[in-house]
């Protein structure tokens, strides 16, 4: 009898696992944050006045699902940022011709 209850609990835990984007769609180079839409938080906001409601608020009020998440990820290289992080940005050493403002 105890074995039956344990197997039922395991079955329930397997059914409760959230659905991933890769389970439903064929994905390519998808980071974990896009593969697990339930990780996104912050969608429980208090209701606002309909007088001030905008379409962007209604679009952003619903949490993402596996159907609204991106199916592919094409990240950009950080080559430019890495270069300037090491050596710094260009500094302009030209003559300053602006008149100093006095505080009166």
PDB file of N, CA and C in Angstrom:
ATOM      1  N   UNK A   1       0.821  -1.195   0.000  1.00  0.00           N
ATOM      2  CA  UNK A   1       0.000   0.000   0.000  1.00  0.00           C
ATOM      3  C   UNK A   1       0.867   1.263   0.000  1.00  0.00           C
ATOM      4  N   UNK A   2       1.973   1.232   0.759  1.00  0.00           N
ATOM      5  CA  UNK A   2       2.858   2.389   0.823  1.00  0.00           C
ATOM      6  C   UNK A   2       3.537   2.622  -0.523  1.00  0.00           C
ATOM      7  N   UNK A   3       3.830   1.531  -1.234  1.00  0.00           N
ATOM      8  CA  UNK A   3       4.458   1.669  -2.540  1.00  0.00           C
ATOM      9  C   UNK A   3       3.521   2.353  -3.526  1.00  0.00           C
ATOM     10  N   UNK A   4       2.234   2.047  -3.445  1.00  0.00           N
ATOM     11  CA  UNK A   4       1.241   2.679  -4.316  1.00  0.00           C
ATOM     12  C   UNK A   4       1.170   4.172  -4.083  1.00  0.00           C
ATOM     13  N   UNK A   5       1.166   4.610  -2.830  1.00  0.00           N
ATOM     14  CA  UNK A   5       1.079   6.040  -2.524  1.00  0.00           C
ATOM     15  C   UNK A   5       2.344   6.772  -2.960  1.00  0.00           C
ATOM     16  N   UNK A   6       3.495   6.115  -2.822  1.00  0.00           N
ATOM     17  CA  UNK A   6       4.751   6.728  -3.259  1.00  0.00           C
ATOM     18  C   UNK A   6       4.779   6.895  -4.777  1.00  0.00           C
ATOM     19  N   UNK A   7       4.321   5.888  -5.500  1.00  0.00           N
ATOM     20  CA  UNK A   7       4.315   5.984  -6.956  1.00  0.00           C
ATOM     21  C   UNK A   7       3.313   7.033  -7.421  1.00  0.00           C
ATOM     22  N   UNK A   8       2.191   7.181  -6.717  1.00  0.00           N
ATOM     23  CA  UNK A   8       1.220   8.216  -7.066  1.00  0.00           C
ATOM     24  C   UNK A   8       1.799   9.605  -6.831  1.00  0.00           C
ATOM     25  N   UNK A   9       2.545   9.767  -5.738  1.00  0.00           N
ATOM     26  CA  UNK A   9       3.178  11.062  -5.455  1.00  0.00           C
ATOM     27  C   UNK A   9       4.211  11.398  -6.528  1.00  0.00           C
ATOM     28  N   UNK A  10       4.972  10.405  -6.966  1.00  0.00           N
ATOM     29  CA  UNK A  10       5.961  10.635  -8.008  1.00  0.00           C
ATOM     30  C   UNK A  10       5.287  11.012  -9.317  1.00  0.00           C
ATOM     31  N   UNK A  11       4.171  10.350  -9.637  1.00  0.00           N
ATOM     32  CA  UNK A  11       3.422  10.681 -10.847  1.00  0.00           C
ATOM     33  C   UNK A  11       2.894  12.108 -10.792  1.00  0.00           C
ATOM     34  N   UNK A  12       2.410  12.523  -9.627  1.00  0.00           N
ATOM     35  CA  UNK A  12       1.901  13.889  -9.477  1.00  0.00           C
ATOM     36  C   UNK A  12       3.021  14.905  -9.637  1.00  0.00           C
ATOM     37  N   UNK A  13       4.192  14.619  -9.069  1.00  0.00           N
ATOM     38  CA  UNK A  13       5.321  15.541  -9.184  1.00  0.00           C
ATOM     39  C   UNK A  13       5.774  15.656 -10.633  1.00  0.00           C
ATOM     40  N   UNK A  14       5.745  14.562 -11.384  1.00  0.00           N
ATOM     41  CA  UNK A  14       6.123  14.607 -12.789  1.00  0.00           C
ATOM     42  C   UNK A  14       5.127  15.422 -13.602  1.00  0.00           C
ATOM     43  N   UNK A  15       3.853  15.363 -13.241  1.00  0.00           N
ATOM     44  CA  UNK A  15       2.826  16.112 -13.951  1.00  0.00           C
ATOM     45  C   UNK A  15       2.890  17.592 -13.620  1.00  0.00           C
ATOM     46  N   UNK A  16       3.363  17.959 -12.444  1.00  0.00           N
ATOM     47  CA  UNK A  16       3.402  19.352 -12.016  1.00  0.00           C
ATOM     48  C   UNK A  16       4.559  20.112 -12.664  1.00  0.00           C
ATOM     49  N   UNK A  17       5.579  19.435 -13.148  1.00  0.00           N
ATOM     50  CA  UNK A  17       6.721  20.112 -13.731  1.00  0.00           C
ATOM     51  C   UNK A  17       6.262  21.047 -14.843  1.00  0.00           C
ATOM     52  N   UNK A  18       6.739  22.293 -14.827  1.00  0.00           N
ATOM     53  CA  UNK A  18       6.296  23.263 -15.837  1.00  0.00           C
ATOM     54  C   UNK A  18       6.769  22.895 -17.239  1.00  0.00           C
ATOM     55  N   UNK A  19       6.017  23.350 -18.196  1.00  0.00           N
ATOM     56  CA  UNK A  19       6.296  23.080 -19.597  1.00  0.00           C
ATOM     57  C   UNK A  19       7.398  24.005 -20.101  1.00  0.00           C
ATOM     58  N   UNK A  20       8.353  23.457 -20.825  1.00  0.00           N
ATOM     59  CA  UNK A  20       9.440  24.248 -21.400  1.00  0.00           C
ATOM     60  C   UNK A  20       9.128  24.554 -22.859  1.00  0.00           C
ATOM     61  N   UNK A  21       9.741  25.611 -23.362  1.00  0.00           N
ATOM     62  CA  UNK A  21       9.558  25.976 -24.765  1.00  0.00           C
ATOM     63  C   UNK A  21      10.099  24.880 -25.678  1.00  0.00           C
ATOM     64  N   UNK A  22      11.202  24.266 -25.288  1.00  0.00           N
ATOM     65  CA  UNK A  22      11.804  23.211 -26.115  1.00  0.00           C
ATOM     66  C   UNK A  22      10.962  21.938 -26.124  1.00  0.00           C
ATOM     67  N   UNK A  23      10.041  21.785 -25.154  1.00  0.00           N
ATOM     68  CA  UNK A  23       9.143  20.632 -25.158  1.00  0.00           C
ATOM     69  C   UNK A  23       8.067  20.769 -26.232  1.00  0.00           C
ATOM     70  N   UNK A  24       7.722  21.998 -26.587  1.00  0.00           N
ATOM     71  CA  UNK A  24       6.633  22.249 -27.524  1.00  0.00           C
ATOM     72  C   UNK A  24       7.154  22.575 -28.923  1.00  0.00           C
ATOM     73  N   UNK A  25       8.251  23.363 -29.001  1.00  0.00           N
ATOM     74  CA  UNK A  25       8.773  23.832 -30.284  1.00  0.00           C
ATOM     75  C   UNK A  25      10.208  23.378 -30.480  1.00  0.00           C
ATOM     76  N   UNK A  26      10.636  23.335 -31.724  1.00  0.00           N
ATOM     77  CA  UNK A  26      12.040  23.088 -32.042  1.00  0.00           C
ATOM     78  C   UNK A  26      12.784  24.398 -31.813  1.00  0.00           C
ATOM     79  N   UNK A  27      13.756  24.393 -30.913  1.00  0.00           N
ATOM     80  CA  UNK A  27      14.468  25.620 -30.554  1.00  0.00           C
ATOM     81  C   UNK A  27      15.915  25.532 -31.010  1.00  0.00           C
ATOM     82  N   UNK A  28      16.551  26.717 -31.115  1.00  0.00           N
ATOM     83  CA  UNK A  28      17.935  26.798 -31.554  1.00  0.00           C
ATOM     84  C   UNK A  28      18.683  27.796 -30.680  1.00  0.00           C
ATOM     85  N   UNK A  29      19.744  27.357 -30.010  1.00  0.00           N
ATOM     86  CA  UNK A  29      20.594  28.204 -29.165  1.00  0.00           C
ATOM     87  C   UNK A  29      19.778  29.003 -28.158  1.00  0.00           C
ATOM     88  N   UNK A  30      18.841  28.369 -27.494  1.00  0.00           N
ATOM     89  CA  UNK A  30      17.940  29.065 -26.585  1.00  0.00           C
ATOM     90  C   UNK A  30      18.504  29.048 -25.169  1.00  0.00           C
ATOM     91  N   UNK A  31      18.743  30.235 -24.567  1.00  0.00           N
ATOM     92  CA  UNK A  31      19.205  30.268 -23.177  1.00  0.00           C
ATOM     93  C   UNK A  31      18.127  29.734 -22.236  1.00  0.00           C
ATOM     94  N   UNK A  32      18.538  29.346 -21.056  1.00  0.00           N
ATOM     95  CA  UNK A  32      17.610  28.745 -20.088  1.00  0.00           C
ATOM     96  C   UNK A  32      16.487  29.705 -19.715  1.00  0.00           C
ATOM     97  N   UNK A  33      16.754  31.005 -19.679  1.00  0.00           N
ATOM     98  CA  UNK A  33      15.712  31.962 -19.282  1.00  0.00           C
ATOM     99  C   UNK A  33      14.577  32.026 -20.300  1.00  0.00           C
ATOM    100  N   UNK A  34      14.865  31.730 -21.573  1.00  0.00           N
ATOM    101  CA  UNK A  34      13.818  31.707 -22.586  1.00  0.00           C
ATOM    102  C   UNK A  34      13.156  30.331 -22.679  1.00  0.00           C
ATOM    103  N   UNK A  35      13.861  29.305 -22.254  1.00  0.00           N
ATOM    104  CA  UNK A  35      13.297  27.965 -22.297  1.00  0.00           C
ATOM    105  C   UNK A  35      12.330  27.721 -21.133  1.00  0.00           C
ATOM    106  N   UNK A  36      12.413  28.541 -20.094  1.00  0.00           N
ATOM    107  CA  UNK A  36      11.565  28.393 -18.919  1.00  0.00           C
ATOM    108  C   UNK A  36      10.784  29.679 -18.673  1.00  0.00           C
ATOM    109  N   UNK A  37       9.633  29.858 -19.314  1.00  0.00           N
ATOM    110  CA  UNK A  37       8.897  31.114 -19.170  1.00  0.00           C
ATOM    111  C   UNK A  37       8.362  31.346 -17.762  1.00  0.00           C
ATOM    112  N   UNK A  38       8.255  30.305 -16.940  1.00  0.00           N
ATOM    113  CA  UNK A  38       7.749  30.492 -15.578  1.00  0.00           C
ATOM    114  C   UNK A  38       8.768  31.195 -14.679  1.00  0.00           C
ATOM    115  N   UNK A  39      10.000  31.371 -15.127  1.00  0.00           N
ATOM    116  CA  UNK A  39      11.009  32.082 -14.345  1.00  0.00           C
ATOM    117  C   UNK A  39      10.744  33.580 -14.302  1.00  0.00           C
ATOM    118  N   UNK A  40      10.021  34.111 -15.282  1.00  0.00           N
ATOM    119  CA  UNK A  40       9.743  35.544 -15.327  1.00  0.00           C
ATOM    120  C   UNK A  40       8.739  35.895 -14.235  1.00  0.00           C
ATOM    121  N   UNK A  41       9.042  36.943 -13.489  1.00  0.00           N
ATOM    122  CA  UNK A  41       8.177  37.360 -12.391  1.00  0.00           C
ATOM    123  C   UNK A  41       7.825  38.835 -12.548  1.00  0.00           C
ATOM    124  N   UNK A  42       6.920  39.295 -11.711  1.00  0.00           N
ATOM    125  CA  UNK A  42       6.581  40.706 -11.697  1.00  0.00           C
ATOM    126  C   UNK A  42       5.339  41.045 -12.487  1.00  0.00           C
ATOM    127  N   UNK A  43       4.487  40.074 -12.754  1.00  0.00           N
ATOM    128  CA  UNK A  43       3.298  40.342 -13.541  1.00  0.00           C
ATOM    129  C   UNK A  43       2.047  40.497 -12.667  1.00  0.00           C
ATOM    130  N   UNK A  44       2.187  40.374 -11.370  1.00  0.00           N
ATOM    131  CA  UNK A  44       1.043  40.523 -10.475  1.00  0.00           C
ATOM    132  C   UNK A  44       0.964  41.967 -10.009  1.00  0.00           C
ATOM    133  N   UNK A  45       0.351  42.795 -10.791  1.00  0.00           N
ATOM    134  CA  UNK A  45       0.227  44.196 -10.441  1.00  0.00           C
ATOM    135  C   UNK A  45      -1.206  44.477 -10.024  1.00  0.00           C
ATOM    136  N   UNK A  46      -1.366  45.479  -9.190  1.00  0.00           N
ATOM    137  CA  UNK A  46      -2.721  45.828  -8.769  1.00  0.00           C
ATOM    138  C   UNK A  46      -3.462  46.491  -9.929  1.00  0.00           C
ATOM    139  N   UNK A  47      -4.766  46.349  -9.970  1.00  0.00           N
ATOM    140  CA  UNK A  47      -5.519  46.907 -11.088  1.00  0.00           C
ATOM    141  C   UNK A  47      -5.436  48.435 -11.128  1.00  0.00           C
ATOM    142  N   UNK A  48      -5.293  48.952 -12.309  1.00  0.00           N
ATOM    143  CA  UNK A  48      -5.184  50.391 -12.513  1.00  0.00           C
ATOM    144  C   UNK A  48      -6.511  50.927 -13.029  1.00  0.00           C
ATOM    145  N   UNK A  49      -6.651  52.226 -12.994  1.00  0.00           N
ATOM    146  CA  UNK A  49      -7.863  52.859 -13.488  1.00  0.00           C
ATOM    147  C   UNK A  49      -7.980  52.647 -14.992  1.00  0.00           C
ATOM    148  N   UNK A  50      -9.146  52.212 -15.484  1.00  0.00           N
ATOM    149  CA  UNK A  50      -9.291  52.014 -16.928  1.00  0.00           C
ATOM    150  C   UNK A  50      -9.222  53.322 -17.715  1.00  0.00           C
ATOM    151  N   UNK A  51      -9.396  54.436 -17.035  1.00  0.00           N
ATOM    152  CA  UNK A  51      -9.307  55.737 -17.701  1.00  0.00           C
ATOM    153  C   UNK A  51      -7.895  55.994 -18.222  1.00  0.00           C
ATOM    154  N   UNK A  52      -6.889  55.500 -17.480  1.00  0.00           N
ATOM    155  CA  UNK A  52      -5.489  55.721 -17.860  1.00  0.00           C
ATOM    156  C   UNK A  52      -4.852  54.493 -18.503  1.00  0.00           C
ATOM    157  N   UNK A  53      -5.625  53.496 -18.830  1.00  0.00           N
ATOM    158  CA  UNK A  53      -5.080  52.264 -19.404  1.00  0.00           C
ATOM    159  C   UNK A  53      -4.582  52.499 -20.827  1.00  0.00           C
ATOM    160  N   UNK A  54      -3.465  51.867 -21.142  1.00  0.00           N
ATOM    161  CA  UNK A  54      -2.906  51.943 -22.495  1.00  0.00           C
ATOM    162  C   UNK A  54      -2.808  50.539 -23.065  1.00  0.00           C
ATOM    163  N   UNK A  55      -2.604  50.438 -24.352  1.00  0.00           N
ATOM    164  CA  UNK A  55      -2.496  49.122 -24.969  1.00  0.00           C
ATOM    165  C   UNK A  55      -1.211  48.412 -24.556  1.00  0.00           C
ATOM    166  N   UNK A  56      -0.158  49.156 -24.293  1.00  0.00           N
ATOM    167  CA  UNK A  56       1.084  48.517 -23.865  1.00  0.00           C
ATOM    168  C   UNK A  56       0.935  47.908 -22.473  1.00  0.00           C
ATOM    169  N   UNK A  57       0.111  48.503 -21.629  1.00  0.00           N
ATOM    170  CA  UNK A  57      -0.124  47.924 -20.305  1.00  0.00           C
ATOM    171  C   UNK A  57      -0.871  46.605 -20.418  1.00  0.00           C
ATOM    172  N   UNK A  58      -1.832  46.534 -21.311  1.00  0.00           N
ATOM    173  CA  UNK A  58      -2.582  45.286 -21.461  1.00  0.00           C
ATOM    174  C   UNK A  58      -1.698  44.206 -22.081  1.00  0.00           C
ATOM    175  N   UNK A  59      -0.803  44.591 -22.970  1.00  0.00           N
ATOM    176  CA  UNK A  59       0.101  43.619 -23.593  1.00  0.00           C
ATOM    177  C   UNK A  59       1.109  43.093 -22.569  1.00  0.00           C
ATOM    178  N   UNK A  60       1.626  43.966 -21.727  1.00  0.00           N
ATOM    179  CA  UNK A  60       2.645  43.562 -20.767  1.00  0.00           C
ATOM    180  C   UNK A  60       2.097  42.998 -19.479  1.00  0.00           C
ATOM    181  N   UNK A  61       0.784  42.985 -19.293  1.00  0.00           N
ATOM    182  CA  UNK A  61       0.197  42.506 -18.048  1.00  0.00           C
ATOM    183  C   UNK A  61       0.144  40.989 -17.968  1.00  0.00           C
ATOM    184  N   UNK A  62       0.190  40.306 -19.095  1.00  0.00           N
ATOM    185  CA  UNK A  62       0.102  38.854 -19.073  1.00  0.00           C
ATOM    186  C   UNK A  62       1.497  38.238 -19.024  1.00  0.00           C
ATOM    187  N   UNK A  63       1.686  37.249 -18.169  1.00  0.00           N
ATOM    188  CA  UNK A  63       3.005  36.601 -18.112  1.00  0.00           C
ATOM    189  C   UNK A  63       3.276  35.809 -19.384  1.00  0.00           C
ATOM    190  N   UNK A  64       4.535  35.598 -19.727  1.00  0.00           N
ATOM    191  CA  UNK A  64       4.855  34.865 -20.962  1.00  0.00           C
ATOM    192  C   UNK A  64       4.493  33.389 -20.843  1.00  0.00           C
ATOM    193  N   UNK A  65       4.235  32.776 -21.962  1.00  0.00           N
ATOM    194  CA  UNK A  65       3.986  31.337 -22.021  1.00  0.00           C
ATOM    195  C   UNK A  65       4.954  30.734 -23.039  1.00  0.00           C
ATOM    196  N   UNK A  66       4.903  29.424 -23.183  1.00  0.00           N
ATOM    197  CA  UNK A  66       5.807  28.775 -24.142  1.00  0.00           C
ATOM    198  C   UNK A  66       5.496  29.212 -25.568  1.00  0.00           C
ATOM    199  N   UNK A  67       4.269  29.692 -25.809  1.00  0.00           N
ATOM    200  CA  UNK A  67       3.886  30.100 -27.149  1.00  0.00           C
ATOM    201  C   UNK A  67       4.327  31.522 -27.485  1.00  0.00           C
ATOM    202  N   UNK A  68       4.636  32.333 -26.475  1.00  0.00           N
ATOM    203  CA  UNK A  68       5.052  33.710 -26.720  1.00  0.00           C
ATOM    204  C   UNK A  68       6.557  33.906 -26.570  1.00  0.00           C
ATOM    205  N   UNK A  69       7.276  32.889 -26.148  1.00  0.00           N
ATOM    206  CA  UNK A  69       8.721  33.002 -25.968  1.00  0.00           C
ATOM    207  C   UNK A  69       9.419  32.844 -27.321  1.00  0.00           C
ATOM    208  N   UNK A  70      10.609  33.448 -27.489  1.00  0.00           N
ATOM    209  CA  UNK A  70      11.338  33.288 -28.758  1.00  0.00           C
ATOM    210  C   UNK A  70      11.781  31.838 -28.958  1.00  0.00           C
ATOM    211  N   UNK A  71      11.837  31.425 -30.196  1.00  0.00           N
ATOM    212  CA  UNK A  71      12.223  30.042 -30.521  1.00  0.00           C
ATOM    213  C   UNK A  71      13.710  29.925 -30.851  1.00  0.00           C
ATOM    214  N   UNK A  72      14.358  31.052 -31.143  1.00  0.00           N
ATOM    215  CA  UNK A  72      15.794  31.049 -31.458  1.00  0.00           C
ATOM    216  C   UNK A  72      16.440  32.244 -30.786  1.00  0.00           C
ATOM    217  N   UNK A  73      17.721  32.133 -30.517  1.00  0.00           N
ATOM    218  CA  UNK A  73      18.469  33.216 -29.885  1.00  0.00           C
ATOM    219  C   UNK A  73      19.741  33.446 -30.675  1.00  0.00           C
ATOM    220  N   UNK A  74      19.939  34.671 -31.131  1.00  0.00           N
ATOM    221  CA  UNK A  74      21.132  35.035 -31.893  1.00  0.00           C
ATOM    222  C   UNK A  74      21.828  36.161 -31.134  1.00  0.00           C
ATOM    223  N   UNK A  75      22.694  35.799 -30.202  1.00  0.00           N
ATOM    224  CA  UNK A  75      23.388  36.780 -29.384  1.00  0.00           C
ATOM    225  C   UNK A  75      24.455  37.526 -30.166  1.00  0.00           C
ATOM    226  N   UNK A  76      24.716  38.741 -29.757  1.00  0.00           N
ATOM    227  CA  UNK A  76      25.757  39.561 -30.386  1.00  0.00           C
ATOM    228  C   UNK A  76      27.081  39.337 -29.665  1.00  0.00           C
ATOM    229  N   UNK A  77      28.172  39.523 -30.376  1.00  0.00           N
ATOM    230  CA  UNK A  77      29.473  39.375 -29.741  1.00  0.00           C
ATOM    231  C   UNK A  77      29.774  40.613 -28.899  1.00  0.00           C
ATOM    232  N   UNK A  78      30.558  40.442 -27.876  1.00  0.00           N
ATOM    233  CA  UNK A  78      30.924  41.540 -26.982  1.00  0.00           C
ATOM    234  C   UNK A  78      32.329  42.047 -27.293  1.00  0.00           C
ATOM    235  N   UNK A  79      32.760  41.913 -28.533  1.00  0.00           N
ATOM    236  CA  UNK A  79      34.112  42.277 -28.949  1.00  0.00           C
ATOM    237  C   UNK A  79      34.372  43.778 -28.757  1.00  0.00           C
ATOM    238  N   UNK A  80      33.450  44.626 -29.208  1.00  0.00           N
ATOM    239  CA  UNK A  80      33.604  46.071 -29.108  1.00  0.00           C
ATOM    240  C   UNK A  80      33.666  46.512 -27.640  1.00  0.00           C
ATOM    241  N   UNK A  81      32.751  46.018 -26.832  1.00  0.00           N
ATOM    242  CA  UNK A  81      32.715  46.388 -25.419  1.00  0.00           C
ATOM    243  C   UNK A  81      33.948  45.886 -24.692  1.00  0.00           C
ATOM    244  N   UNK A  82      34.391  44.690 -25.025  1.00  0.00           N
ATOM    245  CA  UNK A  82      35.585  44.139 -24.387  1.00  0.00           C
ATOM    246  C   UNK A  82      36.828  44.966 -24.682  1.00  0.00           C
ATOM    247  N   UNK A  83      36.939  45.475 -25.899  1.00  0.00           N
ATOM    248  CA  UNK A  83      38.097  46.289 -26.278  1.00  0.00           C
ATOM    249  C   UNK A  83      38.126  47.588 -25.476  1.00  0.00           C
ATOM    250  N   UNK A  84      37.015  48.307 -25.451  1.00  0.00           N
ATOM    251  CA  UNK A  84      36.980  49.581 -24.731  1.00  0.00           C
ATOM    252  C   UNK A  84      36.980  49.394 -23.227  1.00  0.00           C
ATOM    253  N   UNK A  85      36.591  48.243 -22.754  1.00  0.00           N
ATOM    254  CA  UNK A  85      36.682  47.963 -21.326  1.00  0.00           C
ATOM    255  C   UNK A  85      38.131  47.873 -20.872  1.00  0.00           C
ATOM    256  N   UNK A  86      39.000  47.381 -21.744  1.00  0.00           N
ATOM    257  CA  UNK A  86      40.426  47.253 -21.397  1.00  0.00           C
ATOM    258  C   UNK A  86      41.157  48.585 -21.507  1.00  0.00           C
ATOM    259  N   UNK A  87      40.913  49.326 -22.579  1.00  0.00           N
ATOM    260  CA  UNK A  87      41.719  50.503 -22.875  1.00  0.00           C
ATOM    261  C   UNK A  87      41.018  51.821 -22.594  1.00  0.00           C
ATOM    262  N   UNK A  88      39.726  51.829 -22.406  1.00  0.00           N
ATOM    263  CA  UNK A  88      38.992  53.059 -22.125  1.00  0.00           C
ATOM    264  C   UNK A  88      38.538  53.769 -23.385  1.00  0.00           C
ATOM    265  N   UNK A  89      37.575  54.639 -23.211  1.00  0.00           N
ATOM    266  CA  UNK A  89      37.038  55.409 -24.324  1.00  0.00           C
ATOM    267  C   UNK A  89      38.001  56.538 -24.692  1.00  0.00           C
ATOM    268  N   UNK A  90      37.857  57.052 -25.897  1.00  0.00           N
ATOM    269  CA  UNK A  90      38.682  58.155 -26.365  1.00  0.00           C
ATOM    270  C   UNK A  90      38.364  59.403 -25.551  1.00  0.00           C
ATOM    271  N   UNK A  91      39.389  60.132 -25.149  1.00  0.00           N
ATOM    272  CA  UNK A  91      39.198  61.371 -24.400  1.00  0.00           C
ATOM    273  C   UNK A  91      39.633  62.543 -25.273  1.00  0.00           C
ATOM    274  N   UNK A  92      38.768  63.529 -25.393  1.00  0.00           N
ATOM    275  CA  UNK A  92      39.029  64.708 -26.206  1.00  0.00           C
ATOM    276  C   UNK A  92      39.876  65.694 -25.401  1.00  0.00           C
ATOM    277  N   UNK A  93      41.095  65.996 -25.873  1.00  0.00           N
ATOM    278  CA  UNK A  93      42.003  66.910 -25.179  1.00  0.00           C
ATOM    279  C   UNK A  93      42.096  68.259 -25.890  1.00  0.00           C
ATOM    280  N   UNK A  94      41.082  68.623 -26.643  1.00  0.00           N
ATOM    281  CA  UNK A  94      41.141  69.887 -27.378  1.00  0.00           C
ATOM    282  C   UNK A  94      40.897  71.070 -26.434  1.00  0.00           C
ATOM    283  N   UNK A  95      41.102  72.291 -26.975  1.00  0.00           N
ATOM    284  CA  UNK A  95      40.988  73.521 -26.199  1.00  0.00           C
ATOM    285  C   UNK A  95      39.531  73.805 -25.855  1.00  0.00           C
ATOM    286  N   UNK A  96      39.271  74.112 -24.580  1.00  0.00           N
ATOM    287  CA  UNK A  96      37.941  74.451 -24.127  1.00  0.00           C
ATOM    288  C   UNK A  96      37.716  75.946 -24.330  1.00  0.00           C
ATOM    289  N   UNK A  97      36.759  76.331 -25.169  1.00  0.00           N
ATOM    290  CA  UNK A  97      36.521  77.741 -25.464  1.00  0.00           C
ATOM    291  C   UNK A  97      35.225  78.257 -24.859  1.00  0.00           C
ATOM    292  N   UNK A  98      34.550  77.454 -24.060  1.00  0.00           N
ATOM    293  CA  UNK A  98      33.285  77.854 -23.456  1.00  0.00           C
ATOM    294  C   UNK A  98      33.548  78.792 -22.271  1.00  0.00           C
ATOM    295  N   UNK A  99      32.713  79.824 -22.157  1.00  0.00           N
ATOM    296  CA  UNK A  99      32.831  80.766 -21.046  1.00  0.00           C
ATOM    297  C   UNK A  99      32.285  80.107 -19.802  1.00  0.00           C
ATOM    298  N   UNK A 100      33.047  80.223 -18.702  1.00  0.00           N
ATOM    299  CA  UNK A 100      32.585  79.659 -17.441  1.00  0.00           C
ATOM    300  C   UNK A 100      31.360  80.419 -16.940  1.00  0.00           C
ATOM    301  N   UNK A 101      30.371  79.702 -16.462  1.00  0.00           N
ATOM    302  CA  UNK A 101      29.155  80.322 -15.954  1.00  0.00           C
ATOM    303  C   UNK A 101      29.352  80.654 -14.488  1.00  0.00           C
ATOM    304  N   UNK A 102      28.949  81.858 -14.115  1.00  0.00           N
ATOM    305  CA  UNK A 102      29.079  82.282 -12.731  1.00  0.00           C
ATOM    306  C   UNK A 102      27.750  82.060 -12.013  1.00  0.00           C
ATOM    307  N   UNK A 103      27.839  81.677 -10.767  1.00  0.00           N
ATOM    308  CA  UNK A 103      26.643  81.491  -9.971  1.00  0.00           C
ATOM    309  C   UNK A 103      26.396  82.787  -9.201  1.00  0.00           C
ATOM    310  N   UNK A 104      25.345  83.490  -9.557  1.00  0.00           N
ATOM    311  CA  UNK A 104      25.054  84.784  -8.925  1.00  0.00           C
ATOM    312  C   UNK A 104      23.749  84.710  -8.190  1.00  0.00           C
TER     313      UNK A 104
END
